[in-house]
Amino acid sequence: MLSDPLFIVAVIGALVVLGILAVGIGGFAQGGAFNKKHGNRMMRWRLYAQFAAVALIMIFVYFRSKGA
């Protein structure tokens, strides 16, 4: 499974979501100018990345259930 390119892309997508989430939570916890300037933008980026990651996971599951 680790040599499957679609699986690797799905994992990378999930890790991107995790990274964006960590930066967003860190900025929120720290507050200040970064949070005021980038808080909403980080939330939007996380939502877009999360949508893409879920789509990649669903594509992976679909193709693997078909035996491809």
PDB file of N, CA and C in Angstrom:
ATOM      1  N   MET A   1       0.821  -1.184   0.000  1.00  0.00           N
ATOM      2  CA  MET A   1       0.000   0.000   0.000  1.00  0.00           C
ATOM      3  C   MET A   1       0.875   1.262   0.000  1.00  0.00           C
ATOM      4  N   LEU A   2       2.017   1.243   0.641  1.00  0.00           N
ATOM      5  CA  LEU A   2       2.880   2.415   0.686  1.00  0.00           C
ATOM      6  C   LEU A   2       3.502   2.735  -0.659  1.00  0.00           C
ATOM      7  N   SER A   3       3.510   1.789  -1.572  1.00  0.00           N
ATOM      8  CA  SER A   3       4.039   2.057  -2.905  1.00  0.00           C
ATOM      9  C   SER A   3       2.943   2.529  -3.872  1.00  0.00           C
ATOM     10  N   ASP A   4       1.713   2.623  -3.394  1.00  0.00           N
ATOM     11  CA  ASP A   4       0.593   3.066  -4.219  1.00  0.00           C
ATOM     12  C   ASP A   4       0.609   4.603  -4.323  1.00  0.00           C
ATOM     13  N   PRO A   5       0.775   5.152  -5.532  1.00  0.00           N
ATOM     14  CA  PRO A   5       0.863   6.614  -5.675  1.00  0.00           C
ATOM     15  C   PRO A   5      -0.385   7.351  -5.207  1.00  0.00           C
ATOM     16  N   LEU A   6      -1.551   6.770  -5.427  1.00  0.00           N
ATOM     17  CA  LEU A   6      -2.787   7.428  -5.003  1.00  0.00           C
ATOM     18  C   LEU A   6      -2.876   7.504  -3.484  1.00  0.00           C
ATOM     19  N   PHE A   7      -2.419   6.471  -2.805  1.00  0.00           N
ATOM     20  CA  PHE A   7      -2.393   6.476  -1.346  1.00  0.00           C
ATOM     21  C   PHE A   7      -1.439   7.548  -0.839  1.00  0.00           C
ATOM     22  N   ILE A   8      -0.279   7.653  -1.467  1.00  0.00           N
ATOM     23  CA  ILE A   8       0.718   8.648  -1.054  1.00  0.00           C
ATOM     24  C   ILE A   8       0.173  10.057  -1.242  1.00  0.00           C
ATOM     25  N   VAL A   9      -0.507  10.307  -2.358  1.00  0.00           N
ATOM     26  CA  VAL A   9      -1.088  11.625  -2.601  1.00  0.00           C
ATOM     27  C   VAL A   9      -2.166  11.938  -1.562  1.00  0.00           C
ATOM     28  N   ALA A  10      -2.983  10.951  -1.208  1.00  0.00           N
ATOM     29  CA  ALA A  10      -4.018  11.159  -0.197  1.00  0.00           C
ATOM     30  C   ALA A  10      -3.403  11.456   1.165  1.00  0.00           C
ATOM     31  N   VAL A  11      -2.334  10.765   1.516  1.00  0.00           N
ATOM     32  CA  VAL A  11      -1.660  11.016   2.791  1.00  0.00           C
ATOM     33  C   VAL A  11      -1.037  12.411   2.795  1.00  0.00           C
ATOM     34  N   ILE A  12      -0.421  12.797   1.691  1.00  0.00           N
ATOM     35  CA  ILE A  12       0.165  14.143   1.607  1.00  0.00           C
ATOM     36  C   ILE A  12      -0.930  15.200   1.752  1.00  0.00           C
ATOM     37  N   GLY A  13      -2.079  14.964   1.143  1.00  0.00           N
ATOM     38  CA  GLY A  13      -3.208  15.890   1.288  1.00  0.00           C
ATOM     39  C   GLY A  13      -3.646  16.022   2.737  1.00  0.00           C
ATOM     40  N   ALA A  14      -3.718  14.903   3.445  1.00  0.00           N
ATOM     41  CA  ALA A  14      -4.102  14.941   4.855  1.00  0.00           C
ATOM     42  C   ALA A  14      -3.044  15.665   5.696  1.00  0.00           C
ATOM     43  N   LEU A  15      -1.774  15.482   5.361  1.00  0.00           N
ATOM     44  CA  LEU A  15      -0.707  16.162   6.092  1.00  0.00           C
ATOM     45  C   LEU A  15      -0.713  17.669   5.826  1.00  0.00           C
ATOM     46  N   VAL A  16      -1.072  18.062   4.624  1.00  0.00           N
ATOM     47  CA  VAL A  16      -1.202  19.492   4.321  1.00  0.00           C
ATOM     48  C   VAL A  16      -2.306  20.104   5.179  1.00  0.00           C
ATOM     49  N   VAL A  17      -3.427  19.406   5.300  1.00  0.00           N
ATOM     50  CA  VAL A  17      -4.520  19.877   6.157  1.00  0.00           C
ATOM     51  C   VAL A  17      -4.028  20.003   7.599  1.00  0.00           C
ATOM     52  N   LEU A  18      -3.304  19.018   8.070  1.00  0.00           N
ATOM     53  CA  LEU A  18      -2.782  19.060   9.433  1.00  0.00           C
ATOM     54  C   LEU A  18      -1.843  20.247   9.629  1.00  0.00           C
ATOM     55  N   GLY A  19      -0.983  20.518   8.649  1.00  0.00           N
ATOM     56  CA  GLY A  19      -0.063  21.643   8.746  1.00  0.00           C
ATOM     57  C   GLY A  19      -0.792  22.973   8.793  1.00  0.00           C
ATOM     58  N   ILE A  20      -1.781  23.149   7.915  1.00  0.00           N
ATOM     59  CA  ILE A  20      -2.556  24.387   7.900  1.00  0.00           C
ATOM     60  C   ILE A  20      -3.318  24.547   9.204  1.00  0.00           C
ATOM     61  N   LEU A  21      -3.879  23.457   9.706  1.00  0.00           N
ATOM     62  CA  LEU A  21      -4.604  23.495  10.972  1.00  0.00           C
ATOM     63  C   LEU A  21      -3.678  23.889  12.116  1.00  0.00           C
ATOM     64  N   ALA A  22      -2.471  23.348  12.140  1.00  0.00           N
ATOM     65  CA  ALA A  22      -1.517  23.669  13.210  1.00  0.00           C
ATOM     66  C   ALA A  22      -1.128  25.148  13.167  1.00  0.00           C
ATOM     67  N   VAL A  23      -0.883  25.661  11.970  1.00  0.00           N
ATOM     68  CA  VAL A  23      -0.534  27.089  11.850  1.00  0.00           C
ATOM     69  C   VAL A  23      -1.713  27.956  12.281  1.00  0.00           C
ATOM     70  N   GLY A  24      -2.912  27.588  11.890  1.00  0.00           N
ATOM     71  CA  GLY A  24      -4.101  28.350  12.272  1.00  0.00           C
ATOM     72  C   GLY A  24      -4.341  28.338  13.766  1.00  0.00           C
ATOM     73  N   ILE A  25      -4.214  27.175  14.386  1.00  0.00           N
ATOM     74  CA  ILE A  25      -4.414  27.091  15.836  1.00  0.00           C
ATOM     75  C   ILE A  25      -3.306  27.842  16.566  1.00  0.00           C
ATOM     76  N   GLY A  26      -2.078  27.723  16.070  1.00  0.00           N
ATOM     77  CA  GLY A  26      -0.967  28.450  16.690  1.00  0.00           C
ATOM     78  C   GLY A  26      -1.168  29.955  16.611  1.00  0.00           C
ATOM     79  N   GLY A  27      -1.613  30.444  15.468  1.00  0.00           N
ATOM     80  CA  GLY A  27      -1.882  31.874  15.322  1.00  0.00           C
ATOM     81  C   GLY A  27      -3.024  32.329  16.196  1.00  0.00           C
ATOM     82  N   PHE A  28      -4.062  31.501  16.303  1.00  0.00           N
ATOM     83  CA  PHE A  28      -5.197  31.841  17.155  1.00  0.00           C
ATOM     84  C   PHE A  28      -4.779  31.880  18.618  1.00  0.00           C
ATOM     85  N   ALA A  29      -3.976  30.900  19.027  1.00  0.00           N
ATOM     86  CA  ALA A  29      -3.537  30.843  20.431  1.00  0.00           C
ATOM     87  C   ALA A  29      -2.630  32.021  20.767  1.00  0.00           C
ATOM     88  N   GLN A  30      -1.789  32.412  19.820  1.00  0.00           N
ATOM     89  CA  GLN A  30      -0.872  33.519  20.054  1.00  0.00           C
ATOM     90  C   GLN A  30      -1.590  34.858  19.959  1.00  0.00           C
ATOM     91  N   GLY A  31      -2.612  34.921  19.122  1.00  0.00           N
ATOM     92  CA  GLY A  31      -3.359  36.166  18.951  1.00  0.00           C
ATOM     93  C   GLY A  31      -2.524  37.204  18.230  1.00  0.00           C
ATOM     94  N   GLY A  32      -2.815  38.440  18.476  1.00  0.00           N
ATOM     95  CA  GLY A  32      -2.016  39.524  17.926  1.00  0.00           C
ATOM     96  C   GLY A  32      -2.265  39.790  16.458  1.00  0.00           C
ATOM     97  N   ALA A  33      -1.266  40.425  15.837  1.00  0.00           N
ATOM     98  CA  ALA A  33      -1.394  40.895  14.451  1.00  0.00           C
ATOM     99  C   ALA A  33      -1.521  39.735  13.462  1.00  0.00           C
ATOM    100  N   PHE A  34      -0.784  38.636  13.684  1.00  0.00           N
ATOM    101  CA  PHE A  34      -0.863  37.513  12.744  1.00  0.00           C
ATOM    102  C   PHE A  34      -2.278  36.970  12.685  1.00  0.00           C
ATOM    103  N   ASN A  35      -2.894  36.799  13.828  1.00  0.00           N
ATOM    104  CA  ASN A  35      -4.249  36.246  13.854  1.00  0.00           C
ATOM    105  C   ASN A  35      -5.244  37.204  13.207  1.00  0.00           C
ATOM    106  N   LYS A  36      -5.103  38.485  13.459  1.00  0.00           N
ATOM    107  CA  LYS A  36      -6.017  39.458  12.856  1.00  0.00           C
ATOM    108  C   LYS A  36      -5.866  39.492  11.336  1.00  0.00           C
ATOM    109  N   LYS A  37      -4.630  39.370  10.871  1.00  0.00           N
ATOM    110  CA  LYS A  37      -4.378  39.478   9.439  1.00  0.00           C
ATOM    111  C   LYS A  37      -4.665  38.187   8.694  1.00  0.00           C
ATOM    112  N   HIS A  38      -4.358  37.026   9.290  1.00  0.00           N
ATOM    113  CA  HIS A  38      -4.407  35.757   8.566  1.00  0.00           C
ATOM    114  C   HIS A  38      -5.396  34.728   9.116  1.00  0.00           C
ATOM    115  N   GLY A  39      -6.116  35.031  10.178  1.00  0.00           N
ATOM    116  CA  GLY A  39      -6.999  34.049  10.805  1.00  0.00           C
ATOM    117  C   GLY A  39      -8.051  33.487   9.863  1.00  0.00           C
ATOM    118  N   ASN A  40      -8.803  34.376   9.213  1.00  0.00           N
ATOM    119  CA  ASN A  40      -9.850  33.915   8.294  1.00  0.00           C
ATOM    120  C   ASN A  40      -9.265  33.243   7.061  1.00  0.00           C
ATOM    121  N   ARG A  41      -8.134  33.746   6.597  1.00  0.00           N
ATOM    122  CA  ARG A  41      -7.491  33.151   5.419  1.00  0.00           C
ATOM    123  C   ARG A  41      -7.042  31.722   5.714  1.00  0.00           C
ATOM    124  N   MET A  42      -6.498  31.497   6.898  1.00  0.00           N
ATOM    125  CA  MET A  42      -6.061  30.145   7.272  1.00  0.00           C
ATOM    126  C   MET A  42      -7.263  29.193   7.342  1.00  0.00           C
ATOM    127  N   MET A  43      -8.382  29.690   7.830  1.00  0.00           N
ATOM    128  CA  MET A  43      -9.587  28.861   7.910  1.00  0.00           C
ATOM    129  C   MET A  43     -10.060  28.480   6.505  1.00  0.00           C
ATOM    130  N   ARG A  44     -10.046  29.439   5.577  1.00  0.00           N
ATOM    131  CA  ARG A  44     -10.454  29.129   4.203  1.00  0.00           C
ATOM    132  C   ARG A  44      -9.504  28.140   3.550  1.00  0.00           C
ATOM    133  N   TRP A  45      -8.204  28.348   3.728  1.00  0.00           N
ATOM    134  CA  TRP A  45      -7.225  27.420   3.160  1.00  0.00           C
ATOM    135  C   TRP A  45      -7.423  26.022   3.719  1.00  0.00           C
ATOM    136  N   ARG A  46      -7.707  25.930   5.024  1.00  0.00           N
ATOM    137  CA  ARG A  46      -7.924  24.617   5.628  1.00  0.00           C
ATOM    138  C   ARG A  46      -9.156  23.951   5.030  1.00  0.00           C
ATOM    139  N   LEU A  47     -10.208  24.719   4.830  1.00  0.00           N
ATOM    140  CA  LEU A  47     -11.423  24.139   4.256  1.00  0.00           C
ATOM    141  C   LEU A  47     -11.186  23.631   2.836  1.00  0.00           C
ATOM    142  N   TYR A  48     -10.479  24.413   2.023  1.00  0.00           N
ATOM    143  CA  TYR A  48     -10.180  23.972   0.662  1.00  0.00           C
ATOM    144  C   TYR A  48      -9.297  22.729   0.668  1.00  0.00           C
ATOM    145  N   ALA A  49      -8.272  22.749   1.502  1.00  0.00           N
ATOM    146  CA  ALA A  49      -7.360  21.602   1.575  1.00  0.00           C
ATOM    147  C   ALA A  49      -8.083  20.374   2.120  1.00  0.00           C
ATOM    148  N   GLN A  50      -8.967  20.580   3.082  1.00  0.00           N
ATOM    149  CA  GLN A  50      -9.710  19.460   3.655  1.00  0.00           C
ATOM    150  C   GLN A  50     -10.654  18.860   2.610  1.00  0.00           C
ATOM    151  N   PHE A  51     -11.295  19.690   1.826  1.00  0.00           N
ATOM    152  CA  PHE A  51     -12.160  19.197   0.757  1.00  0.00           C
ATOM    153  C   PHE A  51     -11.354  18.350  -0.232  1.00  0.00           C
ATOM    154  N   ALA A  52     -10.196  18.873  -0.627  1.00  0.00           N
ATOM    155  CA  ALA A  52      -9.343  18.142  -1.569  1.00  0.00           C
ATOM    156  C   ALA A  52      -8.866  16.822  -0.968  1.00  0.00           C
ATOM    157  N   ALA A  53      -8.485  16.831   0.309  1.00  0.00           N
ATOM    158  CA  ALA A  53      -8.000  15.612   0.952  1.00  0.00           C
ATOM    159  C   ALA A  53      -9.112  14.561   1.037  1.00  0.00           C
ATOM    160  N   VAL A  54     -10.297  14.982   1.404  1.00  0.00           N
ATOM    161  CA  VAL A  54     -11.419  14.031   1.489  1.00  0.00           C
ATOM    162  C   VAL A  54     -11.744  13.486   0.103  1.00  0.00           C
ATOM    163  N   ALA A  55     -11.703  14.345  -0.915  1.00  0.00           N
ATOM    164  CA  ALA A  55     -11.948  13.878  -2.287  1.00  0.00           C
ATOM    165  C   ALA A  55     -10.894  12.858  -2.704  1.00  0.00           C
ATOM    166  N   LEU A  56      -9.625  13.113  -2.383  1.00  0.00           N
ATOM    167  CA  LEU A  56      -8.564  12.162  -2.721  1.00  0.00           C
ATOM    168  C   LEU A  56      -8.749  10.835  -1.996  1.00  0.00           C
ATOM    169  N   ILE A  57      -9.144  10.898  -0.748  1.00  0.00           N
ATOM    170  CA  ILE A  57      -9.374   9.661   0.018  1.00  0.00           C
ATOM    171  C   ILE A  57     -10.534   8.879  -0.582  1.00  0.00           C
ATOM    172  N   MET A  58     -11.593   9.585  -0.961  1.00  0.00           N
ATOM    173  CA  MET A  58     -12.742   8.904  -1.558  1.00  0.00           C
ATOM    174  C   MET A  58     -12.371   8.297  -2.917  1.00  0.00           C
ATOM    175  N   ILE A  59     -11.558   8.985  -3.702  1.00  0.00           N
ATOM    176  CA  ILE A  59     -11.088   8.439  -4.972  1.00  0.00           C
ATOM    177  C   ILE A  59     -10.250   7.194  -4.730  1.00  0.00           C
ATOM    178  N   PHE A  60      -9.371   7.248  -3.732  1.00  0.00           N
ATOM    179  CA  PHE A  60      -8.550   6.096  -3.389  1.00  0.00           C
ATOM    180  C   PHE A  60      -9.422   4.900  -3.006  1.00  0.00           C
ATOM    181  N   VAL A  61     -10.393   5.135  -2.135  1.00  0.00           N
ATOM    182  CA  VAL A  61     -11.274   4.045  -1.691  1.00  0.00           C
ATOM    183  C   VAL A  61     -12.078   3.489  -2.861  1.00  0.00           C
ATOM    184  N   TYR A  62     -12.561   4.356  -3.736  1.00  0.00           N
ATOM    185  CA  TYR A  62     -13.352   3.914  -4.884  1.00  0.00           C
ATOM    186  C   TYR A  62     -12.527   3.003  -5.795  1.00  0.00           C
ATOM    187  N   PHE A  63     -11.329   3.463  -6.155  1.00  0.00           N
ATOM    188  CA  PHE A  63     -10.508   2.660  -7.070  1.00  0.00           C
ATOM    189  C   PHE A  63     -10.006   1.374  -6.430  1.00  0.00           C
ATOM    190  N   ARG A  64      -9.734   1.388  -5.154  1.00  0.00           N
ATOM    191  CA  ARG A  64      -9.251   0.159  -4.502  1.00  0.00           C
ATOM    192  C   ARG A  64     -10.381  -0.826  -4.281  1.00  0.00           C
ATOM    193  N   SER A  65     -11.617  -0.353  -4.115  1.00  0.00           N
ATOM    194  CA  SER A  65     -12.734  -1.283  -3.980  1.00  0.00           C
ATOM    195  C   SER A  65     -13.058  -1.939  -5.320  1.00  0.00           C
ATOM    196  N   LYS A  66     -12.693  -1.292  -6.421  1.00  0.00           N
ATOM    197  CA  LYS A  66     -12.898  -1.873  -7.757  1.00  0.00           C
ATOM    198  C   LYS A  66     -11.784  -2.837  -8.125  1.00  0.00           C
ATOM    199  N   GLY A  67     -10.740  -2.898  -7.312  1.00  0.00           N
ATOM    200  CA  GLY A  67      -9.649  -3.817  -7.582  1.00  0.00           C
ATOM    201  C   GLY A  67      -8.587  -3.279  -8.518  1.00  0.00           C
ATOM    202  N   ALA A  68      -8.619  -1.982  -8.746  1.00  0.00           N
ATOM    203  CA  ALA A  68      -7.635  -1.379  -9.664  1.00  0.00           C
ATOM    204  C   ALA A  68      -6.318  -1.135  -8.974  1.00  0.00           C
TER     205      ALA A  68
END
